[in-house]
Amino acid sequence: MTEIPARVIDASVAGAIVFREPRRPEALSLVRRVRIFAPNLLPYELVSIARTKTVREPDTAADVALFLSTALDEIDVILVPVDFSETLRLALETGLSTYDASYLFVSLMLDAPLVTFDNRLQQAHDALA
């Protein structure tokens, strides 16, 4: 039996899927037929995206709340705890935020490709993977 490949997604890709952003089709194609992983901070990042979207466009608040309420079911993501010391080390080594370094940590820990629309995070991943 063939093992299902793993991918780690960040908030840029998850947000595109959850909030029906223009890059949603691309994001969906990147996570088709794979097991999706993310650090356990992903739900908080999605709430932050929802807040930003609601502040920018208050008329969308109901839709944003609905999308957010089904977010993790739609993505079917496996949330992974991070090692805080290692995440800090990666953040300091790469210059990334600790949030971005947590996605990098999970990707390196699982030896799984990182799926992101964030060029800086992708470059840091590529340099270390």
Protein backbone atom coordinates (compact mmCIF):
# COMPACT_ATOMS: atom_id res chain seq x y z
CA MET A 1 0.00 0.00 0.00
CA THR A 2 1.28 3.48 -0.89
CA GLU A 3 1.74 5.87 1.99
CA ILE A 4 -0.08 9.19 1.66
CA PRO A 5 2.50 11.98 1.40
CA ALA A 6 2.63 14.62 4.12
CA ARG A 7 2.67 18.38 3.64
CA VAL A 8 2.93 21.20 6.17
CA ILE A 9 0.78 24.22 5.40
CA ASP A 10 1.11 27.70 6.80
CA ALA A 11 -1.51 30.35 7.48
CA SER A 12 -1.14 31.91 4.01
CA VAL A 13 -2.26 28.70 2.32
CA ALA A 14 -4.82 27.76 4.97
CA GLY A 15 -6.26 31.28 4.87
CA ALA A 16 -6.59 31.17 1.09
CA ILE A 17 -8.59 27.97 1.40
CA VAL A 18 -10.73 28.91 4.39
CA PHE A 19 -11.58 32.47 3.40
CA ARG A 20 -12.13 31.76 -0.31
CA GLU A 21 -9.31 34.02 -1.40
CA PRO A 22 -8.24 34.38 -5.06
CA ARG A 23 -5.41 31.86 -4.63
CA ARG A 24 -7.80 29.22 -3.20
CA PRO A 25 -7.71 26.99 -6.31
CA GLU A 26 -3.91 26.99 -6.26
CA ALA A 27 -3.87 26.29 -2.51
CA LEU A 28 -6.29 23.39 -2.92
CA SER A 29 -4.20 21.90 -5.71
CA LEU A 30 -1.12 22.00 -3.45
CA VAL A 31 -2.80 19.95 -0.72
CA ARG A 32 -4.78 17.47 -2.79
CA ARG A 33 -4.27 13.82 -1.84
CA VAL A 34 -1.87 14.56 1.02
CA ARG A 35 -1.97 14.44 4.81
CA ILE A 36 -1.90 18.03 6.01
CA PHE A 37 0.03 19.09 9.10
CA ALA A 38 0.51 22.45 10.80
CA PRO A 39 1.75 23.73 14.14
CA ASN A 40 -0.93 23.99 16.78
CA LEU A 41 -0.94 27.77 16.44
CA LEU A 42 -2.70 27.62 13.05
CA PRO A 43 -6.22 28.12 14.48
CA TYR A 44 -5.05 31.30 16.25
CA GLU A 45 -3.53 32.58 13.03
CA LEU A 46 -6.81 31.93 11.21
CA VAL A 47 -8.67 33.90 13.88
CA SER A 48 -6.19 36.74 13.37
CA ILE A 49 -6.81 36.67 9.61
CA ALA A 50 -10.55 36.69 10.28
CA ARG A 51 -10.18 39.74 12.51
CA THR A 52 -8.18 41.61 9.89
CA LYS A 53 -10.69 40.77 7.17
CA THR A 54 -13.61 41.87 9.35
CA VAL A 55 -11.95 45.16 10.30
CA ARG A 56 -11.17 45.92 6.64
CA GLU A 57 -14.63 44.95 5.38
CA PRO A 58 -17.19 44.97 8.20
CA ASP A 59 -19.96 43.90 5.82
CA THR A 60 -18.23 40.52 5.44
CA ALA A 61 -18.28 39.72 9.17
CA ALA A 62 -20.99 37.05 8.92
CA ASP A 63 -19.29 35.25 6.03
CA VAL A 64 -15.89 35.44 7.70
CA ALA A 65 -17.32 34.01 10.92
CA LEU A 66 -18.98 31.18 9.01
CA PHE A 67 -15.80 30.34 7.11
CA LEU A 68 -13.85 30.41 10.36
CA SER A 69 -16.32 28.11 12.14
CA THR A 70 -15.71 25.34 9.59
CA ALA A 71 -12.03 26.07 8.94
CA LEU A 72 -10.33 23.05 10.46
CA ASP A 73 -12.97 20.64 9.17
CA GLU A 74 -12.51 21.96 5.66
CA ILE A 75 -8.75 21.68 5.72
CA ASP A 76 -8.62 18.44 7.74
CA VAL A 77 -5.32 19.42 9.27
CA ILE A 78 -3.36 17.53 11.91
CA LEU A 79 -2.15 20.04 14.49
CA VAL A 80 1.32 19.40 15.88
CA PRO A 81 2.83 20.82 19.07
CA VAL A 82 6.14 22.60 18.60
CA ASP A 83 9.33 22.54 20.58
CA PHE A 84 9.60 26.12 21.83
CA SER A 85 13.37 26.12 22.22
CA GLU A 86 13.91 24.74 18.74
CA THR A 87 11.38 27.18 17.28
CA LEU A 88 13.22 30.06 18.94
CA ARG A 89 16.53 28.77 17.58
CA LEU A 90 15.08 28.59 14.05
CA ALA A 91 13.61 32.08 14.36
CA LEU A 92 16.93 33.52 15.45
CA GLU A 93 18.88 31.58 12.80
CA THR A 94 16.60 32.58 9.92
CA GLY A 95 15.33 35.99 10.99
CA LEU A 96 11.75 34.71 10.75
CA SER A 97 9.05 35.48 13.29
CA THR A 98 8.51 32.78 15.87
CA TYR A 99 5.14 32.12 14.21
CA ASP A 100 6.75 31.43 10.84
CA ALA A 101 9.54 29.47 12.50
CA SER A 102 6.93 27.16 14.01
CA TYR A 103 5.82 26.11 10.49
CA LEU A 104 9.45 25.60 9.58
CA PHE A 105 9.97 23.51 12.72
CA VAL A 106 7.06 21.18 11.90
CA SER A 107 8.21 20.79 8.31
CA LEU A 108 11.76 19.92 9.34
CA MET A 109 10.61 17.65 12.17
CA LEU A 110 8.32 15.67 9.86
CA ASP A 111 10.71 15.87 6.92
CA ALA A 112 7.73 17.06 4.90
CA PRO A 113 7.53 19.78 2.26
CA LEU A 114 6.29 23.17 3.41
CA VAL A 115 3.43 24.65 1.40
CA THR A 116 3.36 28.43 1.72
CA PHE A 117 2.68 31.56 -0.30
CA ASP A 118 5.22 33.43 1.87
CA ASN A 119 8.42 33.76 -0.18
CA ARG A 120 10.61 34.57 2.80
CA LEU A 121 9.40 31.50 4.72
CA GLN A 122 9.85 29.32 1.63
CA GLN A 123 13.41 30.57 1.13
CA ALA A 124 14.26 29.86 4.77
CA HIS A 125 12.81 26.39 4.43
CA ASP A 126 14.69 25.68 1.21
CA ALA A 127 17.96 26.80 2.80
CA LEU A 128 17.55 24.38 5.72
CA ALA A 129 15.75 21.40 4.17
